[in-house]
Protein backbone atom coordinates (compact mmCIF):
# COMPACT_ATOMS: atom_id res chain seq x y z
CA MET A 1 -8.16 4.65 -12.44
CA GLN A 2 -4.65 3.84 -11.16
CA ALA A 3 -3.05 6.45 -13.41
CA LYS A 4 -5.49 9.04 -12.02
CA LEU A 5 -4.60 7.88 -8.49
CA LEU A 6 -0.91 8.15 -9.17
CA ARG A 7 -1.39 11.67 -10.52
CA GLN A 8 -3.38 12.54 -7.41
CA LEU A 9 -0.61 11.17 -5.15
CA ASN A 10 1.75 13.65 -6.84
CA THR A 11 -0.59 16.62 -7.15
CA THR A 12 0.94 20.07 -6.82
CA SER A 13 -0.72 23.40 -6.29
CA THR A 14 -0.51 26.30 -8.72
CA LEU A 15 2.46 27.55 -6.71
CA GLY A 16 4.30 24.27 -7.25
CA TRP A 17 3.94 22.94 -3.69
CA LEU A 18 2.54 19.50 -2.98
CA ASP A 19 -1.25 19.66 -2.59
CA HIS A 20 -1.66 17.97 0.79
CA ASP A 21 -5.47 17.73 0.65
CA ALA A 22 -5.50 16.05 -2.77
CA ILE A 23 -2.70 13.68 -1.81
CA LEU A 24 -4.41 12.71 1.45
CA ASP A 25 -7.67 12.17 -0.39
CA ALA A 26 -5.79 9.82 -2.78
CA TYR A 27 -4.33 7.88 0.14
CA ARG A 28 -7.88 7.40 1.57
CA ILE A 29 -8.73 5.42 -1.57
CA ILE A 30 -5.98 2.87 -0.97
CA ASN A 31 -7.53 0.24 1.22
CA ILE A 32 -8.31 -3.50 1.09
CA ASP A 33 -11.08 -2.97 -1.50
CA PHE A 34 -8.63 -1.05 -3.67
CA PHE A 35 -6.21 -3.99 -3.80
CA ARG A 36 -9.05 -6.43 -4.31
CA ASN A 37 -9.96 -4.60 -7.54
CA VAL A 38 -6.58 -3.97 -9.20
CA GLN A 39 -4.07 -6.13 -11.00
CA VAL A 40 -0.73 -6.97 -9.42
CA GLU A 41 1.25 -4.62 -11.69
CA GLN A 42 -1.02 -1.71 -10.89
CA ALA A 43 -0.80 -2.42 -7.17
CA LEU A 44 3.00 -2.46 -7.41
CA LEU A 45 2.99 1.10 -8.78
CA ILE A 46 0.89 2.31 -5.87
CA LEU A 47 2.91 0.27 -3.33
CA SER A 48 6.12 1.73 -4.67
CA HIS A 49 4.71 5.27 -4.11
CA CYS A 50 3.73 4.26 -0.56
CA VAL A 51 7.22 2.97 0.21
CA HIS A 52 8.65 6.23 -1.21
CA ASP A 53 6.41 8.30 1.04
CA MET A 54 7.45 6.33 4.06
CA SER A 55 10.66 8.34 3.89
CA SER A 56 8.83 11.62 3.52
CA GLU A 57 9.60 14.48 5.88
CA GLU A 58 5.83 15.18 5.88
CA THR A 59 4.39 13.19 8.79
CA THR A 60 0.94 13.12 7.27
CA PHE A 61 2.31 11.49 4.06
CA MET A 62 4.34 8.98 6.06
CA CYS A 63 1.32 8.03 8.15
CA SER A 64 -0.94 7.76 5.13
CA ALA A 65 1.59 5.64 3.31
CA HIS A 66 1.95 3.44 6.39
CA SER A 67 -1.84 3.00 6.59
CA SER A 68 -1.96 2.07 2.88
CA LEU A 69 0.76 -0.48 3.29
CA LEU A 70 -1.02 -1.96 6.28
CA SER A 71 -4.12 -2.28 4.07
CA PHE A 72 -2.01 -4.29 1.64
CA VAL A 73 -0.76 -6.46 4.53
CA ASP A 74 -4.38 -7.04 5.62
CA PHE A 75 -5.41 -7.81 2.03
CA SER A 76 -2.48 -10.25 1.80
CA ALA A 77 -3.60 -11.98 4.95
CA LEU A 78 -6.99 -12.60 3.32
CA ILE A 79 -5.30 -14.31 0.40
CA LEU A 80 -2.80 -16.31 2.49
CA HIS A 81 -5.51 -17.55 4.81
CA GLU A 82 -8.16 -18.34 2.25
CA GLU A 83 -8.71 -21.79 3.69
CA GLU A 84 -10.75 -20.12 6.43
CA ASN A 85 -14.40 -20.48 5.74
CA SER A 86 -15.95 -17.79 7.85
CA GLU A 87 -18.78 -15.89 6.22
CA GLU A 88 -16.97 -12.55 6.68
CA HIS A 89 -13.83 -13.95 5.02
CA MET A 90 -15.76 -15.42 2.07
CA SER A 91 -17.58 -12.10 1.60
CA ALA A 92 -14.28 -10.21 1.53
CA MET A 93 -12.79 -12.67 -0.99
CA LYS A 94 -15.64 -12.87 -3.52
CA ASN A 95 -14.56 -10.01 -5.75
CA ILE A 96 -10.84 -10.69 -5.79
CA ASP A 97 -9.30 -11.08 -9.24
CA SER A 98 -7.79 -14.54 -9.68
CA CYS A 99 -4.37 -12.98 -10.27
CA TRP A 100 -3.97 -12.60 -6.53
CA THR A 101 -2.74 -16.01 -5.45
CA LYS A 102 -0.73 -17.12 -2.48
CA SER A 103 2.40 -17.43 -4.55
CA CYS A 104 1.82 -13.99 -6.03
CA ILE A 105 1.46 -12.44 -2.55
CA GLN A 106 4.59 -14.20 -1.41
CA ARG A 107 6.51 -13.00 -4.46
CA VAL A 108 5.37 -9.40 -3.96
CA ALA A 109 6.28 -9.54 -0.26
CA LYS A 110 9.69 -11.06 -0.87
CA LYS A 111 10.90 -9.33 -4.07
CA PHE A 112 9.22 -6.00 -3.62
CA LEU A 113 8.08 -5.03 -0.14
CA LEU A 114 10.80 -6.56 1.96
CA LYS A 115 13.49 -5.38 -0.43
CA HIS A 116 12.26 -1.78 -0.61
CA LEU A 117 11.46 -1.61 3.13
CA ALA A 118 14.98 -2.87 3.84
CA ASP A 119 16.34 -0.05 1.64
CA ALA A 120 14.17 2.44 3.54
CA MET A 121 15.62 1.26 6.85
CA ASP A 122 18.61 3.47 6.04
CA GLY A 123 16.36 6.49 6.73
CA SER A 124 15.72 8.43 9.87
CA LEU A 125 14.87 6.91 13.24
CA SER A 126 11.18 7.87 12.82
CA VAL A 127 11.03 6.05 9.49
CA ILE A 128 12.61 2.98 11.03
CA LYS A 129 10.09 2.99 13.91
CA VAL A 130 7.19 3.19 11.48
CA LEU A 131 8.65 0.37 9.37
CA VAL A 132 9.07 -1.85 12.41
CA THR A 133 5.42 -1.41 13.27
CA LEU A 134 4.53 -2.40 9.74
CA LEU A 135 6.59 -5.57 9.91
CA SER A 136 5.27 -6.62 13.33
């Protein structure tokens, strides 16, 4: 499924242009439930594509990538705050693969997200503004 999603995130038309509709459809799949159902390594591939698209000149791709990264942040919050016992929280957590642990989330945040987001800060002012909203 993740290979298909990666292909869809890079879909081109018969003329060789990026297929905006297919790419935006792919981004709609990347939400909290998506991260709940994939392994860490698979999520990293998708996250790296999102970080790449944060520097896109296409505003729709940048916004979609931002939304997907926010979904990962929300998913991470579920893992990091698993001591909460609310019914809603327990329902959201019940299908999460055991590979997503607090230490795993912290490692992904430190060694992947923060590193790559810091690299992206060298981009345009609009990219920097979007990244700041992601980090806040």
